[in-house]
Amino acid sequence: MRTLLALVIATAVAACGQQADLKPVAGTDLPPAPFGTERKPDAEELLAQDTLAEPERSVELRRRSEEREDDPFDLPPE
């Protein structure tokens, strides 16, 4: 019974996502143009994340066990 209830709740939560494009609330407008530009960005440009907000992974995962190097800053509490 718990499994069925958990499945129903998970399905309900997954189904509540919005499928339509985002639009400003009626009676409001998009934010003003950034300083120094003439053109106001549209909704898609405002939602796009720049590289600093969503960096790519640059660290290779370890494939095998390795000994840790001695850390001089790993001191015991005083």
N, C-alpha and C. Protein backbone atom coordinates (compact mmCIF):
# COMPACT_ATOMS: atom_id res chain seq x y z
N MET A 1 0.83 -1.19 0.00
CA MET A 1 0.00 0.00 0.00
C MET A 1 0.88 1.26 0.00
N ARG A 2 1.96 1.24 0.81
CA ARG A 2 2.84 2.40 0.86
C ARG A 2 3.52 2.64 -0.48
N THR A 3 3.89 1.56 -1.14
CA THR A 3 4.55 1.68 -2.44
C THR A 3 3.61 2.32 -3.45
N LEU A 4 2.35 1.89 -3.44
CA LEU A 4 1.36 2.45 -4.35
C LEU A 4 1.13 3.93 -4.06
N LEU A 5 1.04 4.28 -2.79
CA LEU A 5 0.85 5.68 -2.40
C LEU A 5 2.06 6.52 -2.81
N ALA A 6 3.27 6.01 -2.61
CA ALA A 6 4.47 6.74 -3.00
C ALA A 6 4.52 6.91 -4.52
N LEU A 7 4.11 5.90 -5.26
CA LEU A 7 4.09 5.98 -6.72
C LEU A 7 3.08 7.01 -7.20
N VAL A 8 1.91 7.07 -6.59
CA VAL A 8 0.88 8.05 -6.96
C VAL A 8 1.37 9.46 -6.65
N ILE A 9 1.99 9.67 -5.51
CA ILE A 9 2.50 10.99 -5.15
C ILE A 9 3.61 11.41 -6.09
N ALA A 10 4.53 10.50 -6.41
CA ALA A 10 5.62 10.82 -7.32
C ALA A 10 5.10 11.16 -8.71
N THR A 11 4.09 10.46 -9.17
CA THR A 11 3.49 10.74 -10.47
C THR A 11 2.81 12.10 -10.47
N ALA A 12 2.11 12.43 -9.39
CA ALA A 12 1.43 13.72 -9.30
C ALA A 12 2.43 14.86 -9.28
N VAL A 13 3.52 14.70 -8.56
CA VAL A 13 4.54 15.75 -8.50
C VAL A 13 5.22 15.91 -9.85
N ALA A 14 5.49 14.81 -10.52
CA ALA A 14 6.15 14.88 -11.83
C ALA A 14 5.24 15.46 -12.90
N ALA A 15 3.94 15.32 -12.74
CA ALA A 15 3.00 15.79 -13.75
C ALA A 15 2.64 17.26 -13.60
N CYS A 16 3.09 17.91 -12.54
CA CYS A 16 2.66 19.29 -12.32
C CYS A 16 3.57 20.31 -12.98
N GLY A 17 4.55 19.89 -13.77
CA GLY A 17 5.45 20.83 -14.44
C GLY A 17 4.74 21.55 -15.57
N GLN A 18 5.10 22.80 -15.78
CA GLN A 18 4.48 23.60 -16.82
C GLN A 18 5.13 23.29 -18.17
N GLN A 19 4.35 23.12 -19.21
CA GLN A 19 4.86 22.78 -20.53
C GLN A 19 4.88 23.98 -21.46
N ALA A 20 4.20 25.08 -21.14
CA ALA A 20 4.11 26.24 -22.02
C ALA A 20 5.30 27.17 -21.80
N ASP A 21 5.55 28.05 -22.77
CA ASP A 21 6.61 29.04 -22.64
C ASP A 21 6.25 30.03 -21.55
N LEU A 22 7.29 30.58 -20.89
CA LEU A 22 7.07 31.56 -19.84
C LEU A 22 6.76 32.92 -20.46
N LYS A 23 5.81 33.63 -19.87
CA LYS A 23 5.44 34.96 -20.33
C LYS A 23 5.31 35.85 -19.10
N PRO A 24 5.50 37.17 -19.26
CA PRO A 24 5.32 38.07 -18.11
C PRO A 24 3.87 38.05 -17.64
N VAL A 25 3.68 38.34 -16.37
CA VAL A 25 2.34 38.41 -15.79
C VAL A 25 1.59 39.55 -16.47
N ALA A 26 0.29 39.38 -16.64
CA ALA A 26 -0.51 40.41 -17.30
C ALA A 26 -0.37 41.74 -16.56
N GLY A 27 -0.17 42.81 -17.32
CA GLY A 27 -0.03 44.14 -16.74
C GLY A 27 1.40 44.50 -16.37
N THR A 28 2.34 43.58 -16.54
CA THR A 28 3.74 43.87 -16.25
C THR A 28 4.56 43.75 -17.53
N ASP A 29 5.78 44.21 -17.47
CA ASP A 29 6.66 44.17 -18.62
C ASP A 29 7.97 43.50 -18.21
N LEU A 30 8.76 43.14 -19.20
CA LEU A 30 10.08 42.59 -18.91
C LEU A 30 10.95 43.67 -18.29
N PRO A 31 12.04 43.30 -17.62
CA PRO A 31 12.92 44.30 -17.00
C PRO A 31 13.46 45.27 -18.05
N PRO A 32 13.88 46.45 -17.62
CA PRO A 32 14.43 47.42 -18.58
C PRO A 32 15.73 46.93 -19.19
N ALA A 33 16.14 47.58 -20.26
CA ALA A 33 17.38 47.21 -20.95
C ALA A 33 18.57 47.45 -20.03
N PRO A 34 19.58 46.57 -20.07
CA PRO A 34 20.78 46.77 -19.26
C PRO A 34 21.47 48.08 -19.63
N PHE A 35 22.20 48.63 -18.68
CA PHE A 35 22.89 49.90 -18.90
C PHE A 35 23.88 49.78 -20.06
N GLY A 36 23.81 50.72 -20.97
CA GLY A 36 24.74 50.74 -22.09
C GLY A 36 24.24 50.03 -23.34
N THR A 37 23.04 49.44 -23.30
CA THR A 37 22.49 48.78 -24.48
C THR A 37 21.18 49.45 -24.86
N GLU A 38 20.87 49.38 -26.12
CA GLU A 38 19.63 49.99 -26.63
C GLU A 38 18.47 48.98 -26.60
N ARG A 39 18.80 47.71 -26.83
CA ARG A 39 17.78 46.68 -27.00
C ARG A 39 17.49 45.96 -25.69
N LYS A 40 16.20 45.73 -25.41
CA LYS A 40 15.82 44.94 -24.25
C LYS A 40 15.92 43.46 -24.59
N PRO A 41 16.51 42.63 -23.74
CA PRO A 41 16.57 41.20 -24.03
C PRO A 41 15.17 40.57 -23.90
N ASP A 42 14.91 39.56 -24.72
CA ASP A 42 13.62 38.88 -24.62
C ASP A 42 13.67 37.83 -23.51
N ALA A 43 12.56 37.15 -23.29
CA ALA A 43 12.45 36.20 -22.18
C ALA A 43 13.46 35.06 -22.31
N GLU A 44 13.68 34.56 -23.52
CA GLU A 44 14.63 33.46 -23.72
C GLU A 44 16.05 33.88 -23.37
N GLU A 45 16.44 35.09 -23.73
CA GLU A 45 17.78 35.57 -23.41
C GLU A 45 17.95 35.77 -21.91
N LEU A 46 16.89 36.19 -21.23
CA LEU A 46 16.97 36.38 -19.79
C LEU A 46 17.07 35.05 -19.05
N LEU A 47 16.51 33.99 -19.61
CA LEU A 47 16.54 32.68 -18.96
C LEU A 47 17.81 31.90 -19.25
N ALA A 48 18.56 32.29 -20.29
CA ALA A 48 19.79 31.57 -20.64
C ALA A 48 20.86 31.84 -19.58
N GLN A 49 21.53 30.78 -19.13
CA GLN A 49 22.57 30.93 -18.12
C GLN A 49 23.92 31.12 -18.80
N ASP A 50 24.72 32.00 -18.22
CA ASP A 50 26.05 32.20 -18.78
C ASP A 50 27.00 31.11 -18.27
N THR A 51 28.20 31.09 -18.78
CA THR A 51 29.16 30.03 -18.47
C THR A 51 29.51 30.01 -16.98
N LEU A 52 29.60 31.17 -16.34
CA LEU A 52 29.96 31.19 -14.93
C LEU A 52 28.85 30.62 -14.05
N ALA A 53 27.61 30.74 -14.47
CA ALA A 53 26.50 30.22 -13.68
C ALA A 53 26.36 28.71 -13.85
N GLU A 54 26.84 28.18 -14.95
CA GLU A 54 26.71 26.75 -15.23
C GLU A 54 28.01 26.23 -15.83
N PRO A 55 29.07 26.14 -15.02
CA PRO A 55 30.35 25.72 -15.57
C PRO A 55 30.36 24.23 -15.93
N GLU A 56 31.20 23.89 -16.88
CA GLU A 56 31.36 22.49 -17.25
C GLU A 56 32.33 21.83 -16.28
N ARG A 57 32.20 20.54 -16.14
CA ARG A 57 33.08 19.81 -15.24
C ARG A 57 34.46 19.70 -15.87
N SER A 58 35.48 20.07 -15.14
CA SER A 58 36.83 20.04 -15.68
C SER A 58 37.74 19.09 -14.91
N VAL A 59 37.20 18.35 -13.96
CA VAL A 59 38.00 17.46 -13.14
C VAL A 59 37.73 16.02 -13.57
N GLU A 60 38.78 15.29 -13.85
CA GLU A 60 38.64 13.90 -14.21
C GLU A 60 38.33 13.08 -12.96
N LEU A 61 37.34 12.23 -13.04
CA LEU A 61 37.02 11.37 -11.91
C LEU A 61 38.14 10.35 -11.71
N ARG A 62 38.39 10.00 -10.50
CA ARG A 62 39.44 9.01 -10.22
C ARG A 62 38.93 7.62 -10.59
N ARG A 63 39.76 6.91 -11.28
CA ARG A 63 39.39 5.57 -11.72
C ARG A 63 39.87 4.49 -10.75
N ARG A 64 40.89 4.82 -9.95
CA ARG A 64 41.42 3.82 -9.01
C ARG A 64 41.76 4.51 -7.70
N SER A 65 41.95 3.71 -6.69
CA SER A 65 42.26 4.24 -5.38
C SER A 65 43.69 4.78 -5.36
N GLU A 66 43.86 5.97 -4.76
CA GLU A 66 45.18 6.58 -4.66
C GLU A 66 45.38 7.12 -3.25
N GLU A 67 46.61 7.12 -2.81
CA GLU A 67 46.94 7.68 -1.51
C GLU A 67 46.79 9.20 -1.55
N ARG A 68 46.25 9.77 -0.49
CA ARG A 68 46.14 11.22 -0.42
C ARG A 68 47.48 11.84 -0.09
N GLU A 69 47.71 13.02 -0.66
CA GLU A 69 48.91 13.76 -0.34
C GLU A 69 48.76 14.37 1.05
N ASP A 70 49.88 14.60 1.71
CA ASP A 70 49.85 15.21 3.02
C ASP A 70 49.39 16.66 2.89
N ASP A 71 48.36 17.05 3.67
CA ASP A 71 47.82 18.40 3.62
C ASP A 71 48.36 19.19 4.81
N PRO A 72 49.20 20.20 4.59
CA PRO A 72 49.76 20.95 5.71
C PRO A 72 48.72 21.79 6.45
N PHE A 73 47.57 22.04 5.87
CA PHE A 73 46.53 22.83 6.49
C PHE A 73 45.51 22.00 7.25
N ASP A 74 45.62 20.68 7.19
CA ASP A 74 44.72 19.79 7.91
C ASP A 74 45.25 19.61 9.33
N LEU A 75 44.96 20.58 10.17
CA LEU A 75 45.47 20.58 11.54
C LEU A 75 44.39 20.13 12.51
N PRO A 76 44.78 19.49 13.62
CA PRO A 76 43.77 19.12 14.61
C PRO A 76 43.24 20.37 15.32
N PRO A 77 42.03 20.28 15.87
CA PRO A 77 41.48 21.44 16.59
C PRO A 77 42.32 21.78 17.83
N GLU A 78 42.33 23.04 18.18
CA GLU A 78 43.13 23.47 19.34
C GLU A 78 42.44 23.14 20.64
